[in-house]
Amino acid sequence: MNRAFITALTTIGLAQVVKVPVRYAETGRWNWIDMLKTGGMPSSHSAGVAALASYVGFKKGVSSVHFAIASILSLIVMYDAMGIRRQAGNIATEVNELENTIVWLAEQHPELVHERKRKQLEERLGHLPEEVLAGAMLGICTGALSYALESKA
């Protein structure tokens, strides 16, 4: 069994489950589908790569090549979550608002013909810095816990 792999995957799953009560605290509604969505608090991508890097750091040492690879991977994933994926979500929000404006204009001017899109674009794609930080902290904790439990076994 590859404990580093299992630790990272388990942490991703844990982060996805944690999104449900966090979203409930924000909205007052339980929405179990949030476990399957991207974006939100905490970042499961950040949690997974941080768990991998911290476990590898404890297991192989922070001066190992293994830790260096896992850490660079973590930085790239977290940067991407706050950068490109977040900007894609912002663009989706703008496109959805544009669609609403076009529908409103078509209603005001009957000579204009516009068929409303059935489905809006997903807007929660990326993460705010605090969501990435929360995911990274969760990952570091689960990586350390996994190593500690392995050492005792």
N, C-alpha and C. Protein backbone atom coordinates (compact mmCIF):
# COMPACT_ATOMS: atom_id res chain seq x y z
N MET A 1 0.85 -1.18 0.00
CA MET A 1 0.00 0.00 0.00
C MET A 1 0.90 1.25 0.00
N ASN A 2 0.57 2.20 -0.83
CA ASN A 2 1.32 3.45 -0.89
C ASN A 2 0.66 4.45 0.05
N ARG A 3 1.20 4.57 1.24
CA ARG A 3 0.57 5.41 2.28
C ARG A 3 0.52 6.88 1.88
N ALA A 4 1.52 7.38 1.18
CA ALA A 4 1.51 8.79 0.76
C ALA A 4 0.32 9.04 -0.18
N PHE A 5 0.10 8.15 -1.11
CA PHE A 5 -1.00 8.26 -2.06
C PHE A 5 -2.34 8.19 -1.34
N ILE A 6 -2.50 7.22 -0.46
CA ILE A 6 -3.74 7.05 0.31
C ILE A 6 -3.98 8.27 1.20
N THR A 7 -2.94 8.80 1.80
CA THR A 7 -3.07 9.98 2.66
C THR A 7 -3.57 11.17 1.86
N ALA A 8 -3.00 11.39 0.69
CA ALA A 8 -3.43 12.52 -0.16
C ALA A 8 -4.87 12.35 -0.61
N LEU A 9 -5.24 11.17 -1.09
CA LEU A 9 -6.61 10.92 -1.55
C LEU A 9 -7.63 11.04 -0.41
N THR A 10 -7.29 10.52 0.75
CA THR A 10 -8.18 10.62 1.91
C THR A 10 -8.37 12.07 2.32
N THR A 11 -7.32 12.84 2.25
CA THR A 11 -7.41 14.26 2.60
C THR A 11 -8.27 15.02 1.61
N ILE A 12 -8.16 14.70 0.34
CA ILE A 12 -9.02 15.33 -0.67
C ILE A 12 -10.48 15.03 -0.34
N GLY A 13 -10.78 13.77 -0.04
CA GLY A 13 -12.14 13.39 0.33
C GLY A 13 -12.62 14.11 1.58
N LEU A 14 -11.75 14.20 2.57
CA LEU A 14 -12.11 14.90 3.81
C LEU A 14 -12.42 16.37 3.55
N ALA A 15 -11.59 17.01 2.75
CA ALA A 15 -11.82 18.43 2.42
C ALA A 15 -13.15 18.61 1.70
N GLN A 16 -13.47 17.68 0.80
CA GLN A 16 -14.75 17.78 0.08
C GLN A 16 -15.93 17.62 1.04
N VAL A 17 -15.82 16.73 2.01
CA VAL A 17 -16.88 16.54 3.00
C VAL A 17 -17.02 17.78 3.88
N VAL A 18 -15.91 18.38 4.27
CA VAL A 18 -15.92 19.56 5.13
C VAL A 18 -16.62 20.74 4.45
N LYS A 19 -16.62 20.77 3.13
CA LYS A 19 -17.27 21.87 2.40
C LYS A 19 -18.77 21.95 2.70
N VAL A 20 -19.40 20.82 3.00
CA VAL A 20 -20.85 20.81 3.23
C VAL A 20 -21.23 21.61 4.48
N PRO A 21 -20.66 21.32 5.67
CA PRO A 21 -21.03 22.14 6.83
C PRO A 21 -20.55 23.60 6.74
N VAL A 22 -19.43 23.81 6.07
CA VAL A 22 -18.96 25.19 5.89
C VAL A 22 -19.96 25.97 5.05
N ARG A 23 -20.44 25.36 3.99
CA ARG A 23 -21.44 26.01 3.12
C ARG A 23 -22.75 26.20 3.87
N TYR A 24 -23.10 25.24 4.72
CA TYR A 24 -24.31 25.37 5.54
C TYR A 24 -24.20 26.58 6.46
N ALA A 25 -23.03 26.77 7.05
CA ALA A 25 -22.81 27.93 7.92
C ALA A 25 -22.96 29.24 7.15
N GLU A 26 -22.60 29.23 5.87
CA GLU A 26 -22.72 30.44 5.04
C GLU A 26 -24.15 30.70 4.58
N THR A 27 -24.87 29.64 4.21
CA THR A 27 -26.17 29.80 3.56
C THR A 27 -27.36 29.38 4.41
N GLY A 28 -27.13 28.56 5.43
CA GLY A 28 -28.23 28.04 6.23
C GLY A 28 -28.95 26.87 5.57
N ARG A 29 -28.39 26.34 4.49
CA ARG A 29 -28.99 25.21 3.78
C ARG A 29 -27.96 24.09 3.62
N TRP A 30 -28.43 22.84 3.82
CA TRP A 30 -27.59 21.68 3.56
C TRP A 30 -27.63 21.39 2.07
N ASN A 31 -26.49 21.29 1.45
CA ASN A 31 -26.42 20.97 0.04
C ASN A 31 -25.31 19.94 -0.15
N TRP A 32 -25.70 18.67 -0.17
CA TRP A 32 -24.72 17.58 -0.23
C TRP A 32 -23.98 17.54 -1.55
N ILE A 33 -24.53 18.16 -2.58
CA ILE A 33 -23.86 18.17 -3.89
C ILE A 33 -22.55 18.97 -3.83
N ASP A 34 -22.40 19.84 -2.80
CA ASP A 34 -21.16 20.61 -2.64
C ASP A 34 -19.95 19.70 -2.47
N MET A 35 -20.18 18.44 -2.04
CA MET A 35 -19.06 17.50 -1.92
C MET A 35 -18.44 17.17 -3.27
N LEU A 36 -19.20 17.39 -4.33
CA LEU A 36 -18.72 17.03 -5.66
C LEU A 36 -18.29 18.22 -6.49
N LYS A 37 -18.38 19.43 -5.93
CA LYS A 37 -18.08 20.64 -6.69
C LYS A 37 -16.66 21.13 -6.41
N THR A 38 -16.15 21.91 -7.37
CA THR A 38 -14.86 22.57 -7.18
C THR A 38 -15.08 23.90 -6.48
N GLY A 39 -14.02 24.51 -6.04
CA GLY A 39 -14.12 25.79 -5.36
C GLY A 39 -14.63 25.62 -3.94
N GLY A 40 -14.66 26.72 -3.20
CA GLY A 40 -15.19 26.69 -1.85
C GLY A 40 -14.13 26.42 -0.80
N MET A 41 -14.60 26.43 0.45
CA MET A 41 -13.74 26.29 1.63
C MET A 41 -13.88 24.89 2.20
N PRO A 42 -12.79 24.21 2.44
CA PRO A 42 -11.39 24.48 2.09
C PRO A 42 -11.08 23.93 0.70
N SER A 43 -9.96 24.34 0.16
CA SER A 43 -9.52 23.84 -1.14
C SER A 43 -9.06 22.39 -1.00
N SER A 44 -9.76 21.49 -1.67
CA SER A 44 -9.37 20.08 -1.59
C SER A 44 -8.09 19.82 -2.39
N HIS A 45 -7.88 20.60 -3.46
CA HIS A 45 -6.64 20.46 -4.22
C HIS A 45 -5.44 20.79 -3.32
N SER A 46 -5.56 21.92 -2.63
CA SER A 46 -4.47 22.33 -1.72
C SER A 46 -4.30 21.34 -0.59
N ALA A 47 -5.40 20.84 -0.06
CA ALA A 47 -5.33 19.88 1.03
C ALA A 47 -4.60 18.61 0.59
N GLY A 48 -4.93 18.12 -0.59
CA GLY A 48 -4.32 16.88 -1.09
C GLY A 48 -2.82 17.01 -1.31
N VAL A 49 -2.41 18.07 -1.97
CA VAL A 49 -0.97 18.21 -2.25
C VAL A 49 -0.18 18.56 -0.99
N ALA A 50 -0.80 19.30 -0.08
CA ALA A 50 -0.12 19.62 1.18
C ALA A 50 0.02 18.36 2.04
N ALA A 51 -1.02 17.51 2.02
CA ALA A 51 -0.93 16.24 2.77
C ALA A 51 0.19 15.38 2.21
N LEU A 52 0.26 15.31 0.89
CA LEU A 52 1.32 14.54 0.25
C LEU A 52 2.69 15.08 0.62
N ALA A 53 2.87 16.38 0.49
CA ALA A 53 4.18 16.99 0.79
C ALA A 53 4.55 16.83 2.26
N SER A 54 3.60 17.04 3.16
CA SER A 54 3.95 16.93 4.58
C SER A 54 4.26 15.48 4.96
N TYR A 55 3.47 14.54 4.45
CA TYR A 55 3.75 13.13 4.74
C TYR A 55 5.14 12.75 4.21
N VAL A 56 5.42 13.12 2.98
CA VAL A 56 6.73 12.81 2.39
C VAL A 56 7.85 13.50 3.17
N GLY A 57 7.61 14.72 3.61
CA GLY A 57 8.62 15.44 4.40
C GLY A 57 8.94 14.72 5.70
N PHE A 58 7.89 14.23 6.37
CA PHE A 58 8.12 13.49 7.61
C PHE A 58 8.78 12.13 7.34
N LYS A 59 8.36 11.48 6.29
CA LYS A 59 8.85 10.13 5.99
C LYS A 59 10.28 10.13 5.44
N LYS A 60 10.55 11.01 4.47
CA LYS A 60 11.84 11.00 3.78
C LYS A 60 12.78 12.11 4.23
N GLY A 61 12.24 13.10 4.94
CA GLY A 61 13.04 14.24 5.38
C GLY A 61 12.87 15.42 4.42
N VAL A 62 12.96 16.62 4.97
CA VAL A 62 12.74 17.82 4.15
C VAL A 62 13.89 18.11 3.21
N SER A 63 15.01 17.43 3.37
CA SER A 63 16.13 17.64 2.44
C SER A 63 16.13 16.62 1.30
N SER A 64 15.10 15.76 1.26
CA SER A 64 15.05 14.74 0.22
C SER A 64 14.51 15.30 -1.09
N VAL A 65 14.87 14.64 -2.17
CA VAL A 65 14.35 15.00 -3.49
C VAL A 65 12.84 14.75 -3.53
N HIS A 66 12.38 13.72 -2.84
CA HIS A 66 10.95 13.40 -2.81
C HIS A 66 10.15 14.58 -2.25
N PHE A 67 10.64 15.14 -1.16
CA PHE A 67 9.96 16.28 -0.55
C PHE A 67 10.01 17.50 -1.47
N ALA A 68 11.13 17.71 -2.13
CA ALA A 68 11.26 18.85 -3.05
C ALA A 68 10.24 18.74 -4.18
N ILE A 69 10.10 17.56 -4.76
CA ILE A 69 9.13 17.36 -5.85
C ILE A 69 7.71 17.59 -5.36
N ALA A 70 7.37 17.00 -4.22
CA ALA A 70 6.01 17.15 -3.68
C ALA A 70 5.73 18.62 -3.31
N SER A 71 6.72 19.31 -2.80
CA SER A 71 6.53 20.72 -2.41
C SER A 71 6.33 21.62 -3.62
N ILE A 72 7.13 21.42 -4.66
CA ILE A 72 6.98 22.22 -5.88
C ILE A 72 5.62 21.95 -6.51
N LEU A 73 5.21 20.69 -6.55
CA LEU A 73 3.88 20.34 -7.05
C LEU A 73 2.81 21.07 -6.24
N SER A 74 2.96 21.09 -4.93
CA SER A 74 2.00 21.77 -4.05
C SER A 74 1.91 23.25 -4.37
N LEU A 75 3.05 23.90 -4.53
CA LEU A 75 3.05 25.33 -4.83
C LEU A 75 2.38 25.63 -6.16
N ILE A 76 2.63 24.80 -7.15
CA ILE A 76 2.03 25.01 -8.47
C ILE A 76 0.51 24.84 -8.39
N VAL A 77 0.06 23.80 -7.72
CA VAL A 77 -1.38 23.54 -7.60
C VAL A 77 -2.07 24.67 -6.84
N MET A 78 -1.48 25.12 -5.74
CA MET A 78 -2.10 26.18 -4.94
C MET A 78 -2.10 27.51 -5.69
N TYR A 79 -1.03 27.80 -6.39
CA TYR A 79 -0.97 29.03 -7.19
C TYR A 79 -2.04 29.00 -8.29
N ASP A 80 -2.17 27.85 -8.93
CA ASP A 80 -3.17 27.70 -9.98
C ASP A 80 -4.59 27.85 -9.43
N ALA A 81 -4.85 27.29 -8.26
CA ALA A 81 -6.18 27.38 -7.66
C ALA A 81 -6.58 28.83 -7.39
N MET A 82 -5.62 29.64 -6.98
CA MET A 82 -5.91 31.05 -6.70
C MET A 82 -5.83 31.92 -7.95
N GLY A 83 -5.16 31.44 -8.97
CA GLY A 83 -4.93 32.25 -10.15
C GLY A 83 -5.85 31.92 -11.30
N ILE A 84 -5.41 31.03 -12.15
CA ILE A 84 -6.12 30.74 -13.39
C ILE A 84 -7.52 30.21 -13.12
N ARG A 85 -7.68 29.25 -12.21
CA ARG A 85 -9.01 28.69 -11.95
C ARG A 85 -9.93 29.74 -11.35
N ARG A 86 -9.42 30.60 -10.49
CA ARG A 86 -10.26 31.65 -9.90
C ARG A 86 -10.68 32.65 -10.96
N GLN A 87 -9.76 33.02 -11.85
CA GLN A 87 -10.10 33.95 -12.92
C GLN A 87 -11.13 33.35 -13.87
N ALA A 88 -11.03 32.04 -14.13
CA ALA A 88 -12.04 31.38 -14.97
C ALA A 88 -13.41 31.47 -14.32
N GLY A 89 -13.47 31.34 -13.01
CA GLY A 89 -14.73 31.49 -12.28
C GLY A 89 -15.28 32.91 -12.37
N ASN A 90 -14.38 33.89 -12.29
CA ASN A 90 -14.80 35.29 -12.42
C ASN A 90 -15.36 35.56 -13.81
N ILE A 91 -14.73 34.99 -14.82
CA ILE A 91 -15.23 35.16 -16.20
C ILE A 91 -16.60 34.50 -16.33
N ALA A 92 -16.79 33.34 -15.74
CA ALA A 92 -18.09 32.66 -15.78
C ALA A 92 -19.16 33.53 -15.14
N THR A 93 -18.84 34.21 -14.04
CA THR A 93 -19.79 35.10 -13.39
C THR A 93 -20.19 36.23 -14.33
N GLU A 94 -19.21 36.81 -15.00
CA GLU A 94 -19.49 37.90 -15.94
C GLU A 94 -20.36 37.43 -17.12
N VAL A 95 -20.06 36.25 -17.64
CA VAL A 95 -20.85 35.71 -18.76
C VAL A 95 -22.28 35.45 -18.31
N ASN A 96 -22.46 34.90 -17.11
CA ASN A 96 -23.81 34.66 -16.60
C ASN A 96 -24.58 35.96 -16.42
N GLU A 97 -23.92 37.01 -15.93
CA GLU A 97 -24.57 38.31 -15.78
C GLU A 97 -24.91 38.91 -17.14
N LEU A 98 -24.03 38.73 -18.11
CA LEU A 98 -24.29 39.20 -19.47
C LEU A 98 -25.53 38.52 -20.05
N GLU A 99 -25.65 37.24 -19.83
CA GLU A 99 -26.84 36.50 -20.28
C GLU A 99 -28.11 37.09 -19.68
N ASN A 100 -28.09 37.39 -18.38
CA ASN A 100 -29.25 37.99 -17.73
C ASN A 100 -29.58 39.35 -18.32
N THR A 101 -28.57 40.13 -18.64
CA THR A 101 -28.79 41.45 -19.25
C THR A 101 -29.40 41.31 -20.65
N ILE A 102 -28.92 40.36 -21.41
CA ILE A 102 -29.46 40.15 -22.76
C ILE A 102 -30.92 39.71 -22.67
N VAL A 103 -31.24 38.85 -21.73
CA VAL A 103 -32.64 38.41 -21.55
C VAL A 103 -33.51 39.62 -21.19
N TRP A 104 -33.04 40.45 -20.29
CA TRP A 104 -33.79 41.64 -19.89
C TRP A 104 -34.01 42.57 -21.09
N LEU A 105 -32.97 42.79 -21.88
CA LEU A 105 -33.10 43.65 -23.07
C LEU A 105 -34.10 43.05 -24.07
N ALA A 106 -34.06 41.75 -24.25
CA ALA A 106 -35.00 41.10 -25.17
C ALA A 106 -36.43 41.24 -24.69
N GLU A 107 -36.63 41.23 -23.38
CA GLU A 107 -37.97 41.43 -22.83
C GLU A 107 -38.44 42.86 -23.04
N GLN A 108 -37.53 43.81 -22.98
CA GLN A 108 -37.88 45.22 -23.16
C GLN A 108 -38.12 45.58 -24.62
N HIS A 109 -37.52 44.83 -25.51
CA HIS A 109 -37.62 45.10 -26.95
C HIS A 109 -38.07 43.81 -27.65
N PRO A 110 -39.38 43.63 -27.80
CA PRO A 110 -39.91 42.38 -28.38
C PRO A 110 -39.39 42.06 -29.78
N GLU A 111 -38.90 43.06 -30.50
CA GLU A 111 -38.37 42.77 -31.84
C GLU A 111 -37.05 41.98 -31.78
N LEU A 112 -36.40 42.01 -30.63
CA LEU A 112 -35.16 41.23 -30.44
C LEU A 112 -35.53 39.79 -30.07
N VAL A 113 -34.86 38.87 -30.67
CA VAL A 113 -35.12 37.46 -30.38
C VAL A 113 -33.88 36.89 -29.68
N HIS A 114 -34.12 36.30 -28.50
CA HIS A 114 -33.01 35.68 -27.77
C HIS A 114 -33.57 34.48 -27.01
N GLU A 115 -32.92 33.35 -27.19
CA GLU A 115 -33.32 32.16 -26.45
C GLU A 115 -32.38 32.01 -25.26
N ARG A 116 -32.96 32.01 -24.06
CA ARG A 116 -32.18 31.92 -22.83
C ARG A 116 -31.47 30.57 -22.74
N LYS A 117 -30.21 30.62 -22.31
CA LYS A 117 -29.46 29.38 -22.09
C LYS A 117 -30.14 28.60 -20.96
N ARG A 118 -30.18 27.30 -21.10
CA ARG A 118 -30.81 26.48 -20.07
C ARG A 118 -29.94 26.38 -18.81
N LYS A 119 -28.64 26.39 -19.01
CA LYS A 119 -27.73 26.18 -17.89
C LYS A 119 -26.71 27.30 -17.82
N GLN A 120 -26.51 27.83 -16.63
CA GLN A 120 -25.50 28.86 -16.44
C GLN A 120 -24.13 28.18 -16.24
N LEU A 121 -23.08 28.95 -16.48
CA LEU A 121 -21.72 28.44 -16.28
C LEU A 121 -21.43 28.30 -14.78
N GLU A 122 -20.64 27.31 -14.44
CA GLU A 122 -20.22 27.12 -13.05
C GLU A 122 -19.28 28.26 -12.67
N GLU A 123 -19.59 28.92 -11.55
CA GLU A 123 -18.81 30.09 -11.14
C GLU A 123 -17.80 29.78 -10.04
N ARG A 124 -18.04 28.75 -9.28
CA ARG A 124 -17.13 28.40 -8.18
C ARG A 124 -16.07 27.43 -8.67
N LEU A 125 -15.08 27.94 -9.36
CA LEU A 125 -14.03 27.09 -9.92
C LEU A 125 -12.75 27.17 -9.10
N GLY A 126 -12.35 28.35 -8.76
CA GLY A 126 -11.07 28.56 -8.07
C GLY A 126 -11.28 28.89 -6.62
N HIS A 127 -10.25 29.42 -5.99
CA HIS A 127 -10.27 29.65 -4.55
C HIS A 127 -9.73 31.02 -4.18
N LEU A 128 -10.26 31.51 -3.08
CA LEU A 128 -9.70 32.69 -2.44
C LEU A 128 -8.45 32.25 -1.67
N PRO A 129 -7.54 33.17 -1.39
CA PRO A 129 -6.33 32.77 -0.66
C PRO A 129 -6.62 32.07 0.67
N GLU A 130 -7.64 32.52 1.39
CA GLU A 130 -7.95 31.89 2.68
C GLU A 130 -8.47 30.45 2.51
N GLU A 131 -9.12 30.16 1.39
CA GLU A 131 -9.57 28.80 1.12
C GLU A 131 -8.39 27.88 0.82
N VAL A 132 -7.42 28.41 0.09
CA VAL A 132 -6.19 27.65 -0.20
C VAL A 132 -5.40 27.43 1.08
N LEU A 133 -5.29 28.46 1.91
CA LEU A 133 -4.57 28.34 3.18
C LEU A 133 -5.24 27.30 4.08
N ALA A 134 -6.56 27.35 4.17
CA ALA A 134 -7.29 26.37 5.00
C ALA A 134 -7.06 24.95 4.49
N GLY A 135 -7.09 24.77 3.17
CA GLY A 135 -6.82 23.46 2.60
C GLY A 135 -5.40 23.00 2.89
N ALA A 136 -4.45 23.90 2.76
CA ALA A 136 -3.05 23.55 3.04
C ALA A 136 -2.87 23.17 4.50
N MET A 137 -3.49 23.91 5.40
CA MET A 137 -3.38 23.58 6.83
C MET A 137 -4.00 22.22 7.14
N LEU A 138 -5.17 21.96 6.54
CA LEU A 138 -5.80 20.64 6.71
C LEU A 138 -4.87 19.55 6.19
N GLY A 139 -4.26 19.77 5.03
CA GLY A 139 -3.35 18.79 4.44
C GLY A 139 -2.12 18.55 5.29
N ILE A 140 -1.54 19.60 5.81
CA ILE A 140 -0.36 19.45 6.67
C ILE A 140 -0.71 18.63 7.90
N CYS A 141 -1.86 18.91 8.48
CA CYS A 141 -2.28 18.17 9.67
C CYS A 141 -2.54 16.70 9.37
N THR A 142 -3.23 16.41 8.26
CA THR A 142 -3.51 15.01 7.95
C THR A 142 -2.24 14.27 7.52
N GLY A 143 -1.34 14.95 6.83
CA GLY A 143 -0.06 14.33 6.47
C GLY A 143 0.74 13.97 7.70
N ALA A 144 0.79 14.89 8.66
CA ALA A 144 1.51 14.64 9.91
C ALA A 144 0.84 13.52 10.71
N LEU A 145 -0.49 13.54 10.76
CA LEU A 145 -1.23 12.51 11.48
C LEU A 145 -1.00 11.14 10.85
N SER A 146 -1.03 11.07 9.55
CA SER A 146 -0.80 9.80 8.86
C SER A 146 0.58 9.24 9.18
N TYR A 147 1.57 10.12 9.17
CA TYR A 147 2.94 9.67 9.49
C TYR A 147 3.02 9.22 10.95
N ALA A 148 2.39 9.98 11.85
CA ALA A 148 2.42 9.63 13.28
C ALA A 148 1.75 8.28 13.53
N LEU A 149 0.63 8.05 12.86
CA LEU A 149 -0.07 6.76 13.03
C LEU A 149 0.73 5.61 12.45
N GLU A 150 1.44 5.86 11.35
CA GLU A 150 2.27 4.83 10.74
C GLU A 150 3.44 4.49 11.65
N SER A 151 4.03 5.51 12.26
CA SER A 151 5.19 5.29 13.13
C SER A 151 4.85 4.46 14.35
N LYS A 152 3.61 4.61 14.85
CA LYS A 152 3.20 3.86 16.04
C LYS A 152 2.83 2.43 15.72
N ALA A 153 2.51 2.16 14.47
CA ALA A 153 2.04 0.80 14.09
C ALA A 153 3.19 -0.18 13.97
